[in-house]
C-alpha atoms as a PDB file:
ATOM      1  CA  UNK A   1     -61.374 262.732 -48.256  1.00  0.00           C
ATOM      2  CA  UNK A   2     -57.982 264.927 -49.083  1.00  0.00           C
ATOM      3  CA  UNK A   3     -56.976 266.336 -51.506  1.00  0.00           C
ATOM      4  CA  UNK A   4     -60.052 267.005 -54.642  1.00  0.00           C
ATOM      5  CA  UNK A   5     -61.757 263.617 -55.160  1.00  0.00           C
ATOM      6  CA  UNK A   6     -62.185 262.399 -59.259  1.00  0.00           C
ATOM      7  CA  UNK A   7     -65.883 263.018 -60.153  1.00  0.00           C
ATOM      8  CA  UNK A   8     -66.812 259.520 -59.365  1.00  0.00           C
ATOM      9  CA  UNK A   9     -65.285 259.556 -55.913  1.00  0.00           C
ATOM     10  CA  UNK A  10     -66.743 263.419 -55.314  1.00  0.00           C
ATOM     11  CA  UNK A  11     -70.477 261.539 -56.238  1.00  0.00           C
ATOM     12  CA  UNK A  12     -70.451 258.422 -54.088  1.00  0.00           C
ATOM     13  CA  UNK A  13     -69.085 260.225 -51.120  1.00  0.00           C
ATOM     14  CA  UNK A  14     -71.809 263.196 -51.474  1.00  0.00           C
ATOM     15  CA  UNK A  15     -74.467 260.234 -51.447  1.00  0.00           C
ATOM     16  CA  UNK A  16     -73.077 258.542 -48.746  1.00  0.00           C
ATOM     17  CA  UNK A  17     -73.326 262.173 -46.460  1.00  0.00           C
ATOM     18  CA  UNK A  18     -69.422 261.986 -46.115  1.00  0.00           C
ATOM     19  CA  UNK A  19     -68.959 265.066 -48.123  1.00  0.00           C
ATOM     20  CA  UNK A  20     -71.404 268.050 -49.152  1.00  0.00           C
ATOM     21  CA  UNK A  21     -71.327 269.785 -52.045  1.00  0.00           C
ATOM     22  CA  UNK A  22     -70.333 273.101 -50.295  1.00  0.00           C
ATOM     23  CA  UNK A  23     -67.102 271.196 -48.960  1.00  0.00           C
ATOM     24  CA  UNK A  24     -66.682 270.103 -52.225  1.00  0.00           C
ATOM     25  CA  UNK A  25     -66.704 273.448 -54.065  1.00  0.00           C
ATOM     26  CA  UNK A  26     -64.654 275.007 -50.722  1.00  0.00           C
ATOM     27  CA  UNK A  27     -62.081 272.837 -51.640  1.00  0.00           C
ATOM     28  CA  UNK A  28     -61.769 273.162 -55.190  1.00  0.00           C
ATOM     29  CA  UNK A  29     -61.633 277.157 -54.581  1.00  0.00           C
ATOM     30  CA  UNK A  30     -59.376 276.728 -52.668  1.00  0.00           C
ATOM     31  CA  UNK A  31     -57.093 274.799 -54.516  1.00  0.00           C
ATOM     32  CA  UNK A  32     -57.856 277.267 -57.435  1.00  0.00           C
ATOM     33  CA  UNK A  33     -56.652 280.226 -55.395  1.00  0.00           C
ATOM     34  CA  UNK A  34     -53.243 278.078 -54.264  1.00  0.00           C
ATOM     35  CA  UNK A  35     -52.815 277.149 -57.856  1.00  0.00           C
ATOM     36  CA  UNK A  36     -53.427 279.492 -60.378  1.00  0.00           C
ATOM     37  CA  UNK A  37     -50.924 282.114 -59.738  1.00  0.00           C
ATOM     38  CA  UNK A  38     -48.571 279.696 -60.961  1.00  0.00           C
ATOM     39  CA  UNK A  39     -50.882 278.041 -63.694  1.00  0.00           C
ATOM     40  CA  UNK A  40     -52.788 281.118 -64.784  1.00  0.00           C
ATOM     41  CA  UNK A  41     -55.348 278.572 -66.083  1.00  0.00           C
ATOM     42  CA  UNK A  42     -58.681 281.203 -65.476  1.00  0.00           C
ATOM     43  CA  UNK A  43     -59.721 284.160 -66.315  1.00  0.00           C
ATOM     44  CA  UNK A  44     -62.280 284.822 -64.306  1.00  0.00           C
ATOM     45  CA  UNK A  45     -63.369 282.426 -60.852  1.00  0.00           C
ATOM     46  CA  UNK A  46     -66.999 282.818 -60.185  1.00  0.00           C
ATOM     47  CA  UNK A  47     -66.318 282.291 -56.321  1.00  0.00           C
ATOM     48  CA  UNK A  48     -69.729 283.992 -55.366  1.00  0.00           C
ATOM     49  CA  UNK A  49     -71.862 281.734 -57.851  1.00  0.00           C
ATOM     50  CA  UNK A  50     -69.743 278.363 -57.239  1.00  0.00           C
ATOM     51  CA  UNK A  51     -70.752 278.619 -53.524  1.00  0.00           C
ATOM     52  CA  UNK A  52     -74.527 279.601 -54.391  1.00  0.00           C
ATOM     53  CA  UNK A  53     -75.130 276.525 -56.646  1.00  0.00           C
ATOM     54  CA  UNK A  54     -73.307 274.647 -54.466  1.00  0.00           C
ATOM     55  CA  UNK A  55     -76.009 275.423 -51.334  1.00  0.00           C
ATOM     56  CA  UNK A  56     -78.885 274.648 -53.789  1.00  0.00           C
ATOM     57  CA  UNK A  57     -77.354 271.870 -54.610  1.00  0.00           C
ATOM     58  CA  UNK A  58     -76.928 270.592 -50.900  1.00  0.00           C
ATOM     59  CA  UNK A  59     -80.164 271.924 -50.338  1.00  0.00           C
ATOM     60  CA  UNK A  60     -81.514 269.943 -53.147  1.00  0.00           C
ATOM     61  CA  UNK A  61     -79.912 266.840 -52.061  1.00  0.00           C
ATOM     62  CA  UNK A  62     -81.765 266.919 -48.514  1.00  0.00           C
ATOM     63  CA  UNK A  63     -85.173 267.307 -50.095  1.00  0.00           C
ATOM     64  CA  UNK A  64     -85.034 264.721 -53.058  1.00  0.00           C
ATOM     65  CA  UNK A  65     -81.881 262.340 -52.371  1.00  0.00           C
ATOM     66  CA  UNK A  66     -78.482 261.982 -54.019  1.00  0.00           C
ATOM     67  CA  UNK A  67     -78.979 263.028 -57.736  1.00  0.00           C
ATOM     68  CA  UNK A  68     -78.531 260.743 -60.549  1.00  0.00           C
ATOM     69  CA  UNK A  69     -75.732 260.286 -62.511  1.00  0.00           C
ATOM     70  CA  UNK A  70     -74.353 263.208 -64.465  1.00  0.00           C
ATOM     71  CA  UNK A  71     -76.812 265.815 -62.765  1.00  0.00           C
ATOM     72  CA  UNK A  72     -76.150 269.429 -63.414  1.00  0.00           C
ATOM     73  CA  UNK A  73     -73.204 268.370 -65.866  1.00  0.00           C
END
């Protein structure tokens, strides 16, 4: 997958195990770092928390299978 997927694309890719929550979060954080100096869209980026949440989501998926739609939104 190239670029940042839509929510529906990300959910499908995560369910198919072709994308992990950690990879998605890393891609989103990289995009944020690249674009924010121009856009000034964020006051605070909580990178550590985002990565911790992504790792927890990945562990949940391994233990319980793909989450239902709108899980943790």
